[in-house]
Amino acid sequence: MAELRPPAAPLSFAQAAADVRSVSFRDDLVVREIPAPTGLAPDALALSADVRPDADGEDSPYGTGRFVLLHDEAEPAAWDGRWRIVCFAQAPLEPDIGVDPLLADVAWSWLVDALDSRHAVYRAASGTATKTLSKGFGSLAAEGEGAQIELRASWSPAGAIAGHVEAWAELVCMLAGLPPGSEGISILGARRSPRG
C-alpha cells in the first residue's frame, strides 16, 4: 500500500523570487533585475536581458528581453492559478529574413521548445509575434532598410520557476541568432534596427 503524503506546500513568492535570482545565464547575455510594473499583481519581480550589450551593459544591437513574474493569491480567472509570467523578446533582422512568412510561427515555436526542453510545465499560454519592416527617408535615409521580430507572451507556470526563466533567456538569445551552445561565436549580419 502506497504511503499517503500531504500535498506540497504552495510555493511562496519569496521562494520563487529566490529561485529566479539564483538562475545562471550564459556569459553573452547580461541579465539584471529591474523595477517590476505596478498594478498588475500584489507581488511582482522583473528582469531585463541584453544580448552582448555595449560597453555600458545596455543598449544591445543584437536583442533584448523582459521577464515579469506575477503572483496573486486571488487566482485571477485569466491566469488559471496564482502565478503568471509575462515576457517580451525582440531582435533586429536582415530585411530578407523579416519577410519570411513563417517567421512569427518559428519565434513562437522557439519559446514552446525552450519551455519543453526544461520541463517547465505551463498552462493558459498566449502571445503575439510581430514582424516589422522599415525604411528610412529624408534625414533617416542613411539608416536604410531594417526588420525586427518581437514576441510578447504570457503563461501560467506550474512547479519550479527557474526553468521558465531559463527558457525565456534562451528565447532572447535565439531571436538574436545565438542558439544554445554558441557562446563566444560571432553574430554575422546582425545590425541595429533603425527604429524600435
Protein backbone atom coordinates (compact mmCIF):
# COMPACT_ATOMS: atom_id res chain seq x y z
CA MET A 1 0.00 0.00 0.00
CA ALA A 2 1.40 3.41 -1.01
CA GLU A 3 2.14 5.83 1.75
CA LEU A 4 -0.11 8.89 1.65
CA ARG A 5 1.82 12.12 1.70
CA PRO A 6 0.43 15.56 2.37
CA PRO A 7 0.34 17.79 -0.69
CA ALA A 8 3.37 20.02 -1.15
CA ALA A 9 3.03 23.43 0.38
CA PRO A 10 2.36 26.14 -2.20
CA LEU A 11 5.44 27.99 -3.35
CA SER A 12 5.70 31.39 -1.67
CA PHE A 13 6.60 34.50 -3.66
CA ALA A 14 9.80 34.88 -1.62
CA GLN A 15 10.85 31.33 -2.58
CA ALA A 16 10.02 31.92 -6.23
CA ALA A 17 11.92 35.22 -6.28
CA ALA A 18 14.94 33.50 -4.75
CA ASP A 19 14.74 30.82 -7.45
CA VAL A 20 14.62 33.47 -10.17
CA ARG A 21 17.59 35.33 -8.70
CA SER A 22 19.64 32.11 -8.48
CA VAL A 23 19.46 31.30 -12.21
CA SER A 24 22.82 31.45 -14.01
CA PHE A 25 22.93 32.87 -17.52
CA ARG A 26 25.32 32.45 -20.41
CA ASP A 27 28.18 34.96 -20.48
CA ASP A 28 26.96 36.85 -23.55
CA LEU A 29 23.53 37.57 -22.04
CA VAL A 30 23.53 40.35 -19.44
CA VAL A 31 20.53 39.99 -17.11
CA ARG A 32 19.64 42.37 -14.33
CA GLU A 33 16.69 42.88 -12.02
CA ILE A 34 14.64 45.97 -12.83
CA PRO A 35 11.66 47.63 -11.11
CA ALA A 36 8.59 45.49 -11.63
CA PRO A 37 5.46 47.01 -13.16
CA THR A 38 2.91 48.07 -10.57
CA GLY A 39 -0.79 47.40 -10.52
CA LEU A 40 -0.65 44.00 -12.24
CA ALA A 41 -0.44 41.82 -9.13
CA PRO A 42 0.25 42.11 -5.39
CA ASP A 43 3.70 40.56 -5.92
CA ALA A 44 5.95 41.02 -8.96
CA LEU A 45 9.58 40.64 -9.96
CA ALA A 46 11.08 41.76 -13.29
CA LEU A 47 14.26 41.06 -15.22
CA SER A 48 15.82 42.73 -18.24
CA ALA A 49 18.23 41.00 -20.64
CA ASP A 50 20.54 42.29 -23.35
CA VAL A 51 22.49 40.10 -25.77
CA ARG A 52 26.11 41.23 -25.92
CA PRO A 53 25.34 44.81 -24.88
CA ASP A 54 27.60 47.81 -25.47
CA ALA A 55 30.33 48.81 -23.03
CA ASP A 56 27.79 50.35 -20.62
CA GLY A 57 25.99 47.00 -20.29
CA GLU A 58 22.86 48.26 -22.02
CA ASP A 59 21.52 49.08 -25.48
CA SER A 60 22.24 45.82 -27.30
CA PRO A 61 22.39 45.91 -31.10
CA TYR A 62 21.52 42.19 -31.15
CA GLY A 63 18.47 41.64 -28.99
CA THR A 64 16.77 42.37 -25.71
CA GLY A 65 14.06 40.98 -23.49
CA ARG A 66 11.98 41.42 -20.35
CA PHE A 67 10.64 38.81 -17.93
CA VAL A 68 8.00 39.52 -15.29
CA LEU A 69 6.85 37.06 -12.64
CA LEU A 70 3.45 37.90 -11.14
CA HIS A 71 1.81 36.38 -8.06
CA ASP A 72 -1.74 36.86 -6.81
CA GLU A 73 -3.30 34.63 -4.15
CA ALA A 74 -6.74 35.62 -5.51
CA GLU A 75 -6.03 33.49 -8.63
CA PRO A 76 -7.33 35.76 -11.40
CA ALA A 77 -9.55 33.76 -13.76
CA ALA A 78 -7.47 34.58 -16.84
CA TRP A 79 -4.33 33.22 -15.14
CA ASP A 80 -5.78 29.83 -14.22
CA GLY A 81 -3.75 29.94 -10.99
CA ARG A 82 -1.76 32.14 -8.60
CA TRP A 83 1.21 32.70 -10.92
CA ARG A 84 1.65 34.38 -14.28
CA ILE A 85 4.74 35.02 -16.37
CA VAL A 86 4.79 37.81 -18.91
CA CYS A 87 7.74 38.04 -21.27
CA PHE A 88 8.98 40.08 -24.16
CA ALA A 89 11.86 39.42 -26.57
CA GLN A 90 12.94 41.33 -29.66
CA ALA A 91 15.80 41.32 -32.11
CA PRO A 92 16.73 43.15 -35.30
CA LEU A 93 16.86 41.11 -38.51
CA GLU A 94 18.08 41.44 -42.03
CA PRO A 95 15.18 42.59 -44.25
CA ASP A 96 15.20 39.38 -46.31
CA ILE A 97 14.62 37.35 -43.12
CA GLY A 98 11.95 39.78 -41.91
CA VAL A 99 9.72 38.99 -44.91
CA ASP A 100 9.72 35.24 -44.26
CA PRO A 101 6.03 34.28 -43.87
CA LEU A 102 6.88 31.63 -41.24
CA LEU A 103 9.00 33.89 -39.03
CA ALA A 104 6.27 34.56 -36.44
CA ASP A 105 5.46 30.83 -36.19
CA VAL A 106 9.15 30.00 -35.74
CA ALA A 107 9.52 32.59 -32.95
CA TRP A 108 6.58 31.11 -31.05
CA SER A 109 7.87 27.54 -31.58
CA TRP A 110 11.26 28.55 -30.12
CA LEU A 111 9.54 29.64 -26.91
CA VAL A 112 7.49 26.44 -26.68
CA ASP A 113 10.56 24.30 -27.43
CA ALA A 114 12.63 26.14 -24.81
CA LEU A 115 9.94 25.60 -22.16
CA ASP A 116 9.54 21.94 -23.09
CA SER A 117 13.30 21.28 -23.08
CA ARG A 118 13.45 22.48 -19.47
CA HIS A 119 10.34 20.55 -18.42
CA ALA A 120 8.79 23.90 -17.50
CA VAL A 121 5.14 22.98 -17.10
CA TYR A 122 2.67 25.70 -18.04
CA ARG A 123 -0.94 26.36 -18.99
CA ALA A 124 -3.08 29.18 -20.40
CA ALA A 125 -0.33 30.34 -22.78
CA SER A 126 -0.97 33.28 -25.07
CA GLY A 127 1.09 35.67 -27.12
CA THR A 128 1.78 37.60 -30.27
CA ALA A 129 4.72 37.62 -32.65
CA THR A 130 5.17 40.82 -34.64
CA LYS A 131 7.39 41.35 -37.67
CA THR A 132 8.28 44.93 -38.54
CA LEU A 133 9.88 46.14 -41.77
CA SER A 134 11.16 49.71 -42.02
CA LYS A 135 12.92 52.00 -44.47
CA GLY A 136 14.46 55.38 -43.71
CA PHE A 137 13.63 58.50 -45.72
CA GLY A 138 14.84 62.10 -45.67
CA SER A 139 17.32 62.66 -42.88
CA LEU A 140 16.88 58.98 -41.89
CA ALA A 141 17.66 57.64 -45.38
CA ALA A 142 21.17 56.62 -44.31
CA GLU A 143 19.62 54.07 -41.95
CA GLY A 144 18.38 52.13 -44.99
CA GLU A 145 16.09 49.17 -44.60
CA GLY A 146 15.63 47.13 -41.46
CA ALA A 147 13.46 44.48 -39.90
CA GLN A 148 12.64 43.35 -36.39
CA ILE A 149 10.92 40.41 -34.72
CA GLU A 150 9.16 40.85 -31.40
CA LEU A 151 7.49 38.19 -29.30
CA ARG A 152 5.21 39.00 -26.38
CA ALA A 153 3.90 36.05 -24.42
CA SER A 154 2.37 35.07 -21.11
CA TRP A 155 1.63 31.78 -19.42
CA SER A 156 0.84 30.33 -16.02
CA PRO A 157 3.74 28.26 -14.66
CA ALA A 158 3.31 25.11 -12.60
CA GLY A 159 6.10 23.90 -10.34
CA ALA A 160 9.59 25.38 -10.18
CA ILE A 161 10.09 28.80 -11.75
CA ALA A 162 13.79 28.55 -12.70
CA GLY A 163 13.12 26.54 -15.89
CA HIS A 164 10.76 29.24 -17.11
CA VAL A 165 13.44 31.91 -16.63
CA GLU A 166 15.99 29.76 -18.46
CA ALA A 167 13.55 29.22 -21.34
CA TRP A 168 12.96 32.97 -21.67
CA ALA A 169 16.72 33.61 -21.69
CA GLU A 170 17.16 31.01 -24.44
CA LEU A 171 14.39 32.65 -26.48
CA VAL A 172 16.08 36.07 -26.26
CA CYS A 173 19.36 34.54 -27.49
CA MET A 174 17.68 32.50 -30.25
CA LEU A 175 15.96 35.59 -31.66
CA ALA A 176 19.35 37.33 -31.66
CA GLY A 177 20.87 34.48 -33.66
CA LEU A 178 22.63 32.72 -30.77
CA PRO A 179 21.39 29.14 -30.39
CA PRO A 180 22.29 27.11 -27.28
CA GLY A 181 26.00 26.35 -27.06
CA SER A 182 27.06 29.32 -29.20
CA GLU A 183 28.76 31.45 -26.53
CA GLY A 184 31.73 33.31 -27.96
CA ILE A 185 30.66 32.76 -31.58
CA SER A 186 30.37 35.86 -33.76
CA ILE A 187 26.97 37.03 -34.92
CA LEU A 188 27.11 37.59 -38.67
CA GLY A 189 24.99 40.22 -40.34
CA ALA A 190 23.37 41.46 -37.17
CA ARG A 191 22.52 45.13 -37.14
CA ARG A 192 20.66 47.59 -35.03
CA SER A 193 17.09 48.10 -36.12
CA PRO A 194 16.70 51.75 -37.14
CA ARG A 195 13.52 52.21 -35.14
CA GLY A 196 12.18 50.05 -32.31
